[in-house]
C-alpha atoms as a PDB file:
ATOM      1  CA  MET A   1       0.000   0.000   0.000  1.00  0.00           C
ATOM      2  CA  ASN A   2       1.432   3.362  -1.018  1.00  0.00           C
ATOM      3  CA  GLU A   3       1.797   5.768   1.933  1.00  0.00           C
ATOM      4  CA  ASP A   4       0.838   8.667  -0.352  1.00  0.00           C
ATOM      5  CA  MET A   5      -2.534   7.023  -0.764  1.00  0.00           C
ATOM      6  CA  MET A   6      -3.370   7.114   2.967  1.00  0.00           C
ATOM      7  CA  LEU A   7      -5.144   9.812   4.973  1.00  0.00           C
ATOM      8  CA  THR A   8      -5.404   9.864   8.769  1.00  0.00           C
ATOM      9  CA  LEU A   9      -8.329  11.677  10.391  1.00  0.00           C
ATOM     10  CA  SER A  10      -9.373  12.087  14.014  1.00  0.00           C
ATOM     11  CA  ASP A  11     -12.972  11.616  15.073  1.00  0.00           C
ATOM     12  CA  ASP A  12     -14.782  13.718  17.696  1.00  0.00           C
ATOM     13  CA  GLU A  13     -13.347  11.542  20.479  1.00  0.00           C
ATOM     14  CA  GLY A  14      -9.741  11.837  19.267  1.00  0.00           C
ATOM     15  CA  ASN A  15      -9.569   8.348  17.755  1.00  0.00           C
ATOM     16  CA  GLU A  16      -7.488   8.173  14.604  1.00  0.00           C
ATOM     17  CA  ILE A  17      -9.027   6.660  11.492  1.00  0.00           C
ATOM     18  CA  GLU A  18      -6.783   5.596   8.615  1.00  0.00           C
ATOM     19  CA  LEU A  19      -8.309   5.869   5.165  1.00  0.00           C
ATOM     20  CA  GLU A  20      -7.016   4.512   1.890  1.00  0.00           C
ATOM     21  CA  PHE A  21      -7.623   6.813  -1.071  1.00  0.00           C
ATOM     22  CA  ILE A  22      -9.278   4.916  -3.941  1.00  0.00           C
ATOM     23  CA  ASP A  23     -10.479   7.353  -6.598  1.00  0.00           C
ATOM     24  CA  VAL A  24     -12.014  10.713  -7.483  1.00  0.00           C
ATOM     25  CA  VAL A  25     -15.533  10.856  -8.890  1.00  0.00           C
ATOM     26  CA  VAL A  26     -16.787  13.954 -10.691  1.00  0.00           C
ATOM     27  CA  TYR A  27     -20.480  14.620 -10.115  1.00  0.00           C
ATOM     28  CA  ARG A  28     -22.236  17.813 -11.209  1.00  0.00           C
ATOM     29  CA  ASN A  29     -18.918  19.606 -11.733  1.00  0.00           C
ATOM     30  CA  GLU A  30     -17.761  18.782  -8.190  1.00  0.00           C
ATOM     31  CA  GLU A  31     -15.016  16.328  -7.275  1.00  0.00           C
ATOM     32  CA  TYR A  32     -15.554  13.685  -4.609  1.00  0.00           C
ATOM     33  CA  ALA A  33     -12.791  11.593  -3.051  1.00  0.00           C
ATOM     34  CA  ILE A  34     -13.546   7.942  -2.364  1.00  0.00           C
ATOM     35  CA  PHE A  35     -11.810   6.312   0.618  1.00  0.00           C
ATOM     36  CA  PHE A  36     -11.893   2.887   2.260  1.00  0.00           C
ATOM     37  CA  PRO A  37     -11.314   2.794   6.029  1.00  0.00           C
ATOM     38  CA  LYS A  38      -8.240   0.657   6.723  1.00  0.00           C
ATOM     39  CA  ASP A  39      -9.876  -1.344   9.536  1.00  0.00           C
ATOM     40  CA  ASP A  40     -13.496  -1.423   8.358  1.00  0.00           C
ATOM     41  CA  ASP A  41     -15.697  -2.559   5.508  1.00  0.00           C
ATOM     42  CA  GLY A  42     -17.212   0.557   4.098  1.00  0.00           C
ATOM     43  CA  THR A  43     -16.772   3.551   1.884  1.00  0.00           C
ATOM     44  CA  ILE A  44     -16.250   7.150   2.924  1.00  0.00           C
ATOM     45  CA  ILE A  45     -16.924   9.967   0.476  1.00  0.00           C
ATOM     46  CA  PHE A  46     -15.732  13.557   0.867  1.00  0.00           C
ATOM     47  CA  ARG A  47     -16.242  16.510  -1.435  1.00  0.00           C
ATOM     48  CA  ILE A  48     -12.899  17.956  -2.458  1.00  0.00           C
ATOM     49  CA  GLY A  49     -13.089  21.605  -1.501  1.00  0.00           C
ATOM     50  CA  ASP A  50     -11.495  24.591  -3.123  1.00  0.00           C
ATOM     51  CA  THR A  51      -7.957  25.369  -2.076  1.00  0.00           C
ATOM     52  CA  THR A  52      -5.459  27.967  -3.177  1.00  0.00           C
ATOM     53  CA  ASP A  53      -2.521  25.571  -2.813  1.00  0.00           C
ATOM     54  CA  SER A  54      -2.444  22.911  -5.537  1.00  0.00           C
ATOM     55  CA  GLU A  55      -0.392  20.628  -3.237  1.00  0.00           C
ATOM     56  CA  GLU A  56      -3.072  20.450  -0.513  1.00  0.00           C
ATOM     57  CA  TYR A  57      -6.654  19.295  -0.578  1.00  0.00           C
ATOM     58  CA  SER A  58      -9.621  20.192   1.564  1.00  0.00           C
ATOM     59  CA  TYR A  59     -12.010  17.314   2.278  1.00  0.00           C
ATOM     60  CA  GLU A  60     -15.536  18.279   3.273  1.00  0.00           C
ATOM     61  CA  PRO A  61     -18.213  15.931   4.625  1.00  0.00           C
ATOM     62  CA  VAL A  62     -21.153  15.303   2.301  1.00  0.00           C
ATOM     63  CA  GLU A  63     -24.450  15.612   4.137  1.00  0.00           C
ATOM     64  CA  ASP A  64     -26.828  15.310   1.189  1.00  0.00           C
ATOM     65  CA  GLU A  65     -27.885  11.647   1.094  1.00  0.00           C
ATOM     66  CA  LYS A  66     -28.928  11.900  -2.566  1.00  0.00           C
ATOM     67  CA  VAL A  67     -25.497  13.197  -3.599  1.00  0.00           C
ATOM     68  CA  LEU A  68     -23.773  10.469  -1.560  1.00  0.00           C
ATOM     69  CA  ASN A  69     -25.882   7.764  -3.212  1.00  0.00           C
ATOM     70  CA  GLU A  70     -25.339   9.091  -6.725  1.00  0.00           C
ATOM     71  CA  VAL A  71     -21.569   9.487  -6.255  1.00  0.00           C
ATOM     72  CA  PHE A  72     -21.391   5.975  -4.802  1.00  0.00           C
ATOM     73  CA  GLU A  73     -23.336   4.582  -7.780  1.00  0.00           C
ATOM     74  CA  ILE A  74     -20.833   6.139 -10.193  1.00  0.00           C
ATOM     75  CA  PHE A  75     -17.988   4.642  -8.165  1.00  0.00           C
ATOM     76  CA  ARG A  76     -19.685   1.246  -7.943  1.00  0.00           C
ATOM     77  CA  GLU A  77     -20.275   1.107 -11.689  1.00  0.00           C
ATOM     78  CA  ARG A  78     -16.674   2.106 -12.398  1.00  0.00           C
ATOM     79  CA  TYR A  79     -15.290  -0.607 -10.078  1.00  0.00           C
ATOM     80  CA  LYS A  80     -17.876  -3.366 -10.538  1.00  0.00           C
ATOM     81  CA  ASP A  81     -15.190  -5.700 -11.930  1.00  0.00           C
ATOM     82  CA  VAL A  82     -12.710  -4.918  -9.142  1.00  0.00           C
ATOM     83  CA  TYR A  83     -14.701  -4.973  -5.872  1.00  0.00           C
ATOM     84  CA  ILE A  84     -17.643  -6.986  -4.590  1.00  0.00           C
ATOM     85  CA  PHE A  85     -20.401  -4.661  -3.404  1.00  0.00           C
ATOM     86  CA  ASP A  86     -23.186  -5.770  -1.059  1.00  0.00           C
END
């Protein structure tokens, strides 16, 4: 696993969560980063926010359930031959 492909976040209780970057999905002219938690079966999606520094990214939570579902469907279709989705 490439270290450049990992992101570590802290939750509200200070617990660290390691995420593996998988892909970027473009939906309605917005970019969404797809991550897999290192120690969990699931998918985490963040909107990639605007930043002035091209070397850094801003990841914003997506609260709109419809957007999350549609971005996930694009991802699932793209990777249907790579991953098994429940």
